[in-house]
Protein backbone atom coordinates (compact mmCIF):
# COMPACT_ATOMS: atom_id res chain seq x y z
CA MET A 1 172.32 325.75 6.28
CA LYS A 2 170.90 325.55 9.80
CA THR A 3 172.27 322.79 12.52
CA VAL A 4 169.14 322.30 14.64
CA ASN A 5 170.23 319.37 16.61
CA ALA A 6 173.58 317.36 16.67
CA GLN A 7 172.67 314.43 13.82
CA LEU A 8 169.62 316.83 11.96
CA GLN A 9 170.67 320.28 9.72
CA VAL A 10 167.72 322.00 7.98
CA GLY A 11 167.88 322.64 5.05
CA ALA A 12 169.96 319.80 3.64
CA PRO A 13 170.21 319.04 -0.40
CA ALA A 14 167.23 316.38 -1.27
CA GLU A 15 168.28 314.24 -4.20
CA ASN A 16 165.72 314.60 -7.23
CA PHE A 17 165.37 311.65 -6.55
CA TYR A 18 162.45 313.50 -4.00
CA VAL A 19 160.31 315.44 -6.40
CA ASP A 20 161.10 312.64 -9.02
CA GLN A 21 158.83 310.12 -7.04
CA ALA A 22 156.47 312.53 -6.13
CA VAL A 23 155.87 313.43 -9.68
CA GLN A 24 155.91 309.47 -10.97
CA ARG A 25 153.48 308.96 -7.73
CA SER A 26 150.74 311.58 -7.80
CA ARG A 27 150.50 311.30 -11.75
CA GLU A 28 147.36 309.36 -11.35
CA HIS A 29 145.95 311.72 -9.39
CA ALA A 30 147.06 314.99 -11.70
CA ASN A 31 145.63 312.99 -14.84
CA ARG A 32 142.03 311.68 -13.08
CA TYR A 33 142.07 315.84 -11.94
CA ARG A 34 142.75 316.73 -15.80
CA GLU A 35 139.83 314.30 -17.09
CA GLU A 36 136.93 315.34 -14.79
CA ARG A 37 137.33 318.65 -15.58
CA SER A 38 137.93 318.26 -19.45
CA ALA A 39 134.15 319.41 -19.59
CA VAL A 40 134.42 322.36 -18.56
CA PRO A 41 134.41 325.58 -21.28
CA GLY A 42 137.37 327.93 -21.62
CA LEU A 43 139.32 326.29 -19.42
CA THR A 44 142.96 326.11 -20.20
CA ASP A 45 145.98 324.06 -18.44
CA ALA A 46 147.48 327.74 -17.37
CA ILE A 47 143.81 328.57 -15.92
CA ARG A 48 143.03 325.30 -14.31
CA SER A 49 146.57 325.02 -13.22
CA GLN A 50 145.95 328.47 -10.96
CA LEU A 51 142.47 327.21 -9.88
CA THR A 52 144.23 324.41 -8.36
CA GLU A 53 146.64 326.05 -6.98
CA ALA A 54 144.34 328.84 -5.35
CA ARG A 55 141.60 326.25 -4.24
CA LEU A 56 145.00 324.10 -2.61
CA GLN A 57 146.37 327.27 -1.22
CA ALA A 58 142.40 328.17 0.91
CA LEU A 59 142.37 324.36 2.03
CA LEU A 60 145.95 324.61 3.61
CA GLU A 61 145.05 328.03 4.91
CA GLU A 62 142.18 325.84 6.74
CA HIS A 63 143.87 323.40 7.89
CA ARG A 64 147.27 324.52 8.69
CA ARG A 65 145.31 326.33 12.29
CA SER A 66 143.75 323.30 13.38
CA LEU A 67 147.56 322.42 13.80
CA CYS A 68 148.55 325.33 16.17
CA GLY A 69 149.43 324.71 19.79
CA HIS A 70 148.85 320.41 18.22
CA PHE A 71 152.93 320.21 17.83
CA THR A 72 155.84 320.75 19.92
CA ALA A 73 158.99 322.09 18.88
CA ALA A 74 160.57 319.44 19.55
CA GLU A 75 158.24 317.01 17.95
CA PHE A 76 158.33 319.49 15.00
CA LEU A 77 162.44 318.89 15.06
CA SER A 78 161.51 314.55 14.81
CA LEU A 79 159.00 315.36 12.27
CA LEU A 80 161.96 317.30 10.00
CA ASP A 81 163.99 314.93 11.06
CA CYS A 82 162.26 312.14 9.58
CA TYR A 83 161.03 313.66 6.36
CA GLN A 84 164.51 315.11 5.87
CA GLY A 85 164.08 316.49 2.11
CA GLU A 86 160.56 314.89 1.85
CA VAL A 87 158.60 315.60 -1.43
CA PHE A 88 155.00 314.42 -0.29
CA ASP A 89 152.67 312.59 -2.54
CA PRO A 90 149.47 311.78 -1.82
CA PHE A 91 150.39 308.42 -0.42
CA GLY A 92 153.24 309.20 1.55
CA VAL A 93 151.08 312.09 3.13
CA GLU A 94 148.66 309.01 3.95
CA ASP A 95 151.52 307.32 5.31
CA MET A 96 153.47 309.77 7.38
CA ALA A 97 151.93 308.49 10.56
CA GLY A 98 153.61 304.36 9.25
CA ALA A 99 156.79 306.09 8.07
CA LEU A 100 157.42 307.83 11.73
CA VAL A 101 157.61 304.63 12.96
CA ASP A 102 159.47 303.16 10.48
CA HIS A 103 162.56 305.67 10.84
CA ALA A 104 162.75 305.41 15.36
CA PRO A 105 159.82 303.32 17.03
CA GLU A 106 160.06 305.35 19.38
CA LEU A 107 158.60 307.91 17.68
CA GLU A 108 155.08 305.99 17.79
CA PRO A 109 153.44 308.55 20.03
CA LEU A 110 154.02 311.28 17.51
CA ALA A 111 152.96 308.74 14.83
CA ARG A 112 149.20 308.54 16.68
CA LYS A 113 149.37 311.84 16.93
CA VAL A 114 149.83 312.73 13.55
CA ALA A 115 147.85 309.72 12.22
CA SER A 116 144.66 311.12 14.81
CA LEU A 117 144.56 314.57 12.39
CA SER A 118 142.46 314.81 9.42
CA THR A 119 143.54 314.32 6.03
CA GLY A 120 143.42 317.97 5.17
CA SER A 121 145.12 318.78 8.63
CA ARG A 122 147.81 316.17 7.84
CA TYR A 123 148.28 317.50 3.99
CA ALA A 124 148.66 321.19 6.05
CA LEU A 125 151.79 319.30 8.08
CA ALA A 126 153.30 317.68 4.87
CA ASP A 127 152.83 321.48 3.35
CA LEU A 128 154.72 322.73 6.76
CA ILE A 129 157.42 320.21 6.82
CA GLU A 130 158.47 320.98 3.02
CA GLN A 131 158.51 324.46 3.46
CA ALA A 132 159.79 324.51 6.61
CA TRP A 133 162.97 322.36 5.57
CA TYR A 134 163.52 324.13 2.35
CA ARG A 135 162.97 327.33 3.14
CA CYS A 136 165.10 327.55 6.78
CA PRO A 137 167.87 327.81 4.79
CA ALA A 138 167.24 329.55 2.38
CA GLU A 139 165.67 332.89 4.26
CA GLY A 140 168.15 332.33 7.12
CA LYS A 141 164.84 331.68 9.48
CA SER A 142 164.43 328.73 12.17
CA HIS A 143 161.70 326.35 11.61
CA GLU A 144 159.73 327.27 14.40
CA SER A 145 159.64 330.97 12.69
CA ILE A 146 158.55 329.99 9.42
CA ALA A 147 155.47 327.86 10.91
CA ARG A 148 154.12 330.89 12.73
CA GLU A 149 154.53 332.91 9.31
CA LEU A 150 152.86 329.44 7.67
CA GLY A 151 149.82 330.65 11.24
CA VAL A 152 151.28 328.13 13.05
CA THR A 153 152.41 327.97 16.70
CA LEU A 154 153.88 325.09 18.39
CA THR A 155 153.76 324.90 21.95
């Protein structure tokens, strides 16, 4: 586990609660996605899953570009501190700015930055936070190097 400041340990193990909560809160969206595509002939669960993952990856890569230079390394650490181990569901992504202010009211300027992002960019940010949190200790890398690998430059 890598300590990035006195109060924050990147990669501290998350409770299964985060995954369970994300799955529960995402179920309606996932069911609607499957129902909307049920008429496509030959679209098995495995094929649908692969197509969904490919589409999501393309969207994340596109929206990561909008994050370049948007956050400082210190701001990104504040995001990691707020969302320690979070696994984001659609509702969590939409409430990122509110959760920041709830976590630390002095982060309101950072919350405004997050709120100003497009929906796609907030999803890319949520994915970046998750990846940095979990990959830093697993790969022995810094949060900044993970961000760079994903195409996001912190200032």
